[in-house]
Every structure is written in structure tokens, then in C-alpha cells.
């Protein structure tokens, strides 16, 4: 099964990336995921279910520890044609 996760961390700071946002980016970029797109207003990552779920667990734990007060995420099951 393939999954796509979309997430944001808060609070926002448009002048400088907060520590929790940097940590979240490091987690998804360092995970064994097939596709990662990070941006100022949202981030997406795709991969096999085990890799995505493991990355989400690490992202939640590390981002909260780095000061995130809210993390919004959505996980979707995707097919090969949904890329």
C-alpha cells in the first residue's frame, strides 16, 4: 500500500523557519520516502505504508519536542496513477 501524507506545523513564522518546521523537514527528507515536497504553507511526502507511518511517528514526536503547538496532517491511500 502506498500513502501520501500532507502536514503543517505551527506556529507559523514567515520571516524565519521555526525549529519545529526545520525538524519536520529533516525527518521527511531523511526518511525512506519516494517523493517529498516541502514548502512554506504545507508539505507532502509519499511512499510505502511502513515508511510513511514511521516518518509520521518520528515527525510528530520530534516536532512537538522542538516547540510545535499544533500539527495538522492528512494521510491518504494512493494508487500508482495518483502521483
N, C-alpha and C. Protein backbone atom coordinates (compact mmCIF):
# COMPACT_ATOMS: atom_id res chain seq x y z
N UNK A 1 0.84 -1.18 0.00
CA UNK A 1 0.00 0.00 0.00
C UNK A 1 0.88 1.25 0.00
N UNK A 2 0.48 2.21 -0.81
CA UNK A 2 1.20 3.49 -0.85
C UNK A 2 0.37 4.55 -0.15
N UNK A 3 1.06 5.45 0.56
CA UNK A 3 0.40 6.52 1.28
C UNK A 3 1.00 7.87 0.92
N UNK A 4 0.16 8.89 1.02
CA UNK A 4 0.62 10.28 0.90
C UNK A 4 0.23 10.99 2.19
N UNK A 5 1.19 11.67 2.80
CA UNK A 5 0.91 12.47 3.99
C UNK A 5 1.11 13.94 3.62
N UNK A 6 0.17 14.76 4.05
CA UNK A 6 0.28 16.21 3.92
C UNK A 6 0.27 16.76 5.34
N UNK A 7 1.18 17.69 5.65
CA UNK A 7 1.24 18.18 7.02
C UNK A 7 1.73 19.62 7.10
N UNK A 8 1.35 20.27 8.18
CA UNK A 8 1.87 21.58 8.54
C UNK A 8 2.14 21.57 10.04
N UNK A 9 3.11 22.37 10.45
CA UNK A 9 3.39 22.55 11.87
C UNK A 9 3.18 24.01 12.20
N UNK A 10 2.77 24.27 13.41
CA UNK A 10 2.53 25.64 13.86
C UNK A 10 3.18 25.85 15.21
N UNK A 11 3.48 27.06 15.58
CA UNK A 11 3.06 28.33 14.98
C UNK A 11 3.90 28.69 13.76
N UNK A 12 3.26 29.45 12.88
CA UNK A 12 3.93 29.91 11.66
C UNK A 12 4.86 31.07 11.95
N UNK A 13 5.90 31.18 11.18
CA UNK A 13 6.79 32.34 11.19
C UNK A 13 7.30 32.48 9.76
N UNK A 14 6.82 33.48 9.05
CA UNK A 14 7.20 33.63 7.64
C UNK A 14 8.58 34.25 7.47
N UNK A 15 9.11 34.88 8.51
CA UNK A 15 10.43 35.51 8.41
C UNK A 15 11.56 34.50 8.57
N UNK A 16 11.37 33.53 9.43
CA UNK A 16 12.41 32.54 9.69
C UNK A 16 11.74 31.21 10.03
N UNK A 17 12.25 30.13 9.47
CA UNK A 17 11.65 28.82 9.75
C UNK A 17 11.86 28.46 11.22
N UNK A 18 10.77 28.20 11.95
CA UNK A 18 10.92 27.82 13.35
C UNK A 18 11.56 26.44 13.48
N UNK A 19 12.09 26.16 14.65
CA UNK A 19 12.80 24.90 14.88
C UNK A 19 11.92 23.69 14.57
N UNK A 20 10.65 23.74 14.94
CA UNK A 20 9.77 22.59 14.69
C UNK A 20 9.58 22.34 13.21
N UNK A 21 9.56 23.39 12.40
CA UNK A 21 9.43 23.23 10.94
C UNK A 21 10.70 22.64 10.34
N UNK A 22 11.85 23.08 10.84
CA UNK A 22 13.12 22.55 10.37
C UNK A 22 13.23 21.07 10.71
N UNK A 23 12.84 20.70 11.91
CA UNK A 23 12.88 19.30 12.33
C UNK A 23 11.96 18.45 11.45
N UNK A 24 10.75 18.94 11.20
CA UNK A 24 9.81 18.19 10.36
C UNK A 24 10.38 17.97 8.97
N UNK A 25 11.00 19.00 8.41
CA UNK A 25 11.61 18.88 7.09
C UNK A 25 12.75 17.85 7.11
N UNK A 26 13.58 17.90 8.14
CA UNK A 26 14.68 16.94 8.25
C UNK A 26 14.17 15.50 8.34
N UNK A 27 13.08 15.32 9.07
CA UNK A 27 12.53 13.97 9.23
C UNK A 27 12.08 13.41 7.89
N UNK A 28 11.28 14.17 7.14
CA UNK A 28 10.77 13.62 5.87
C UNK A 28 11.86 13.51 4.82
N UNK A 29 12.81 14.45 4.82
CA UNK A 29 13.89 14.37 3.84
C UNK A 29 14.84 13.21 4.15
N UNK A 30 14.94 12.81 5.41
CA UNK A 30 15.82 11.72 5.80
C UNK A 30 15.16 10.35 5.81
N UNK A 31 13.85 10.33 5.62
CA UNK A 31 13.12 9.06 5.65
C UNK A 31 13.22 8.36 4.29
N UNK A 32 12.90 7.09 4.29
CA UNK A 32 12.94 6.29 3.05
C UNK A 32 11.64 6.48 2.27
N UNK A 33 11.40 7.71 1.81
CA UNK A 33 10.18 8.04 1.08
C UNK A 33 10.51 8.29 -0.39
N UNK A 34 9.52 8.06 -1.24
CA UNK A 34 9.72 8.19 -2.68
C UNK A 34 9.66 9.62 -3.18
N UNK A 35 8.81 10.44 -2.57
CA UNK A 35 8.62 11.81 -3.03
C UNK A 35 8.39 12.70 -1.82
N UNK A 36 9.11 13.81 -1.78
CA UNK A 36 8.98 14.78 -0.69
C UNK A 36 8.92 16.16 -1.31
N UNK A 37 7.94 16.95 -0.87
CA UNK A 37 7.82 18.34 -1.33
C UNK A 37 7.57 19.20 -0.10
N UNK A 38 8.53 20.04 0.25
CA UNK A 38 8.38 20.92 1.41
C UNK A 38 8.19 22.35 0.93
N UNK A 39 7.33 23.07 1.62
CA UNK A 39 7.05 24.45 1.26
C UNK A 39 6.66 25.25 2.48
N UNK A 40 6.48 26.55 2.33
CA UNK A 40 6.19 27.40 3.48
C UNK A 40 4.80 27.19 4.08
N UNK A 41 3.85 26.68 3.30
CA UNK A 41 2.48 26.55 3.79
C UNK A 41 1.99 25.11 3.88
N UNK A 42 2.79 24.16 3.46
CA UNK A 42 2.40 22.77 3.54
C UNK A 42 3.47 21.89 2.96
N UNK A 43 3.43 20.65 3.35
CA UNK A 43 4.45 19.69 2.96
C UNK A 43 3.76 18.38 2.60
N UNK A 44 4.32 17.67 1.63
CA UNK A 44 3.78 16.36 1.27
C UNK A 44 4.92 15.37 1.15
N UNK A 45 4.60 14.12 1.41
CA UNK A 45 5.56 13.04 1.23
C UNK A 45 4.78 11.79 0.85
N UNK A 46 5.39 10.95 0.04
CA UNK A 46 4.76 9.72 -0.41
C UNK A 46 5.73 8.56 -0.26
N UNK A 47 5.15 7.39 -0.08
CA UNK A 47 5.97 6.19 -0.03
C UNK A 47 5.15 5.00 0.42
N UNK A 48 5.84 3.91 0.68
CA UNK A 48 5.19 2.73 1.19
C UNK A 48 4.61 3.01 2.57
N UNK A 49 3.58 2.25 2.93
CA UNK A 49 2.87 2.49 4.19
C UNK A 49 3.80 2.47 5.40
N UNK A 50 4.67 1.49 5.49
CA UNK A 50 5.56 1.40 6.66
C UNK A 50 6.48 2.62 6.75
N UNK A 51 7.02 3.06 5.63
CA UNK A 51 7.93 4.21 5.64
C UNK A 51 7.19 5.49 6.00
N UNK A 52 5.99 5.69 5.45
CA UNK A 52 5.22 6.90 5.75
C UNK A 52 4.80 6.91 7.21
N UNK A 53 4.27 5.79 7.70
CA UNK A 53 3.81 5.75 9.09
C UNK A 53 4.96 5.92 10.08
N UNK A 54 6.09 5.36 9.77
CA UNK A 54 7.27 5.55 10.62
C UNK A 54 7.71 7.01 10.62
N UNK A 55 7.71 7.63 9.44
CA UNK A 55 8.09 9.04 9.34
C UNK A 55 7.10 9.92 10.09
N UNK A 56 5.82 9.62 10.01
CA UNK A 56 4.80 10.41 10.72
C UNK A 56 5.01 10.31 12.23
N UNK A 57 5.28 9.13 12.73
CA UNK A 57 5.54 8.96 14.16
C UNK A 57 6.73 9.81 14.60
N UNK A 58 7.82 9.72 13.86
CA UNK A 58 9.01 10.49 14.19
C UNK A 58 8.76 11.99 14.05
N UNK A 59 8.06 12.38 13.00
CA UNK A 59 7.74 13.79 12.76
C UNK A 59 6.93 14.36 13.93
N UNK A 60 5.90 13.65 14.37
CA UNK A 60 5.08 14.13 15.48
C UNK A 60 5.91 14.29 16.75
N UNK A 61 6.65 13.27 17.09
CA UNK A 61 7.43 13.30 18.33
C UNK A 61 8.50 14.41 18.33
N UNK A 62 9.24 14.48 17.23
CA UNK A 62 10.35 15.45 17.18
C UNK A 62 9.85 16.89 17.01
N UNK A 63 8.80 17.09 16.22
CA UNK A 63 8.27 18.44 16.03
C UNK A 63 7.67 18.99 17.32
N UNK A 64 6.94 18.16 18.05
CA UNK A 64 6.39 18.60 19.33
C UNK A 64 7.51 18.92 20.32
N UNK A 65 8.54 18.09 20.34
CA UNK A 65 9.68 18.34 21.23
C UNK A 65 10.41 19.63 20.85
N UNK A 66 10.33 20.02 19.58
CA UNK A 66 11.02 21.23 19.11
C UNK A 66 10.14 22.47 19.19
N UNK A 67 8.96 22.35 19.80
CA UNK A 67 8.16 23.54 20.04
C UNK A 67 6.88 23.69 19.23
N UNK A 68 6.52 22.73 18.42
CA UNK A 68 5.26 22.83 17.69
C UNK A 68 4.10 22.82 18.69
N UNK A 69 3.13 23.69 18.47
CA UNK A 69 1.95 23.72 19.32
C UNK A 69 0.75 23.10 18.62
N UNK A 70 0.89 22.87 17.33
CA UNK A 70 -0.17 22.23 16.55
C UNK A 70 0.46 21.60 15.32
N UNK A 71 0.05 20.38 15.02
CA UNK A 71 0.48 19.71 13.80
C UNK A 71 -0.77 19.18 13.12
N UNK A 72 -1.00 19.64 11.91
CA UNK A 72 -2.14 19.17 11.13
C UNK A 72 -1.62 18.21 10.08
N UNK A 73 -2.28 17.07 9.96
CA UNK A 73 -1.85 16.14 8.92
C UNK A 73 -3.03 15.37 8.37
N UNK A 74 -2.82 14.95 7.15
CA UNK A 74 -3.80 14.14 6.45
C UNK A 74 -3.04 13.02 5.77
N UNK A 75 -3.55 11.80 5.89
CA UNK A 75 -2.93 10.65 5.26
C UNK A 75 -3.93 10.05 4.29
N UNK A 76 -3.50 9.85 3.04
CA UNK A 76 -4.34 9.26 2.02
C UNK A 76 -3.69 8.03 1.43
N UNK A 77 -4.51 7.02 1.15
CA UNK A 77 -4.06 5.87 0.40
C UNK A 77 -4.07 6.28 -1.07
N UNK A 78 -2.97 6.02 -1.76
CA UNK A 78 -2.88 6.41 -3.16
C UNK A 78 -2.54 5.20 -4.02
N UNK A 79 -2.93 5.29 -5.26
CA UNK A 79 -2.58 4.26 -6.23
C UNK A 79 -1.45 4.77 -7.10
N UNK A 80 -0.90 3.93 -7.90
CA UNK A 80 0.22 4.32 -8.78
C UNK A 80 -0.17 5.46 -9.71
N UNK A 81 -1.43 5.56 -10.11
CA UNK A 81 -1.86 6.62 -11.02
C UNK A 81 -2.13 7.94 -10.34
N UNK A 82 -2.04 8.01 -9.00
CA UNK A 82 -2.35 9.23 -8.25
C UNK A 82 -1.16 10.15 -8.07
N UNK A 83 -0.05 9.85 -8.61
CA UNK A 83 1.16 10.66 -8.39
C UNK A 83 1.05 11.99 -9.08
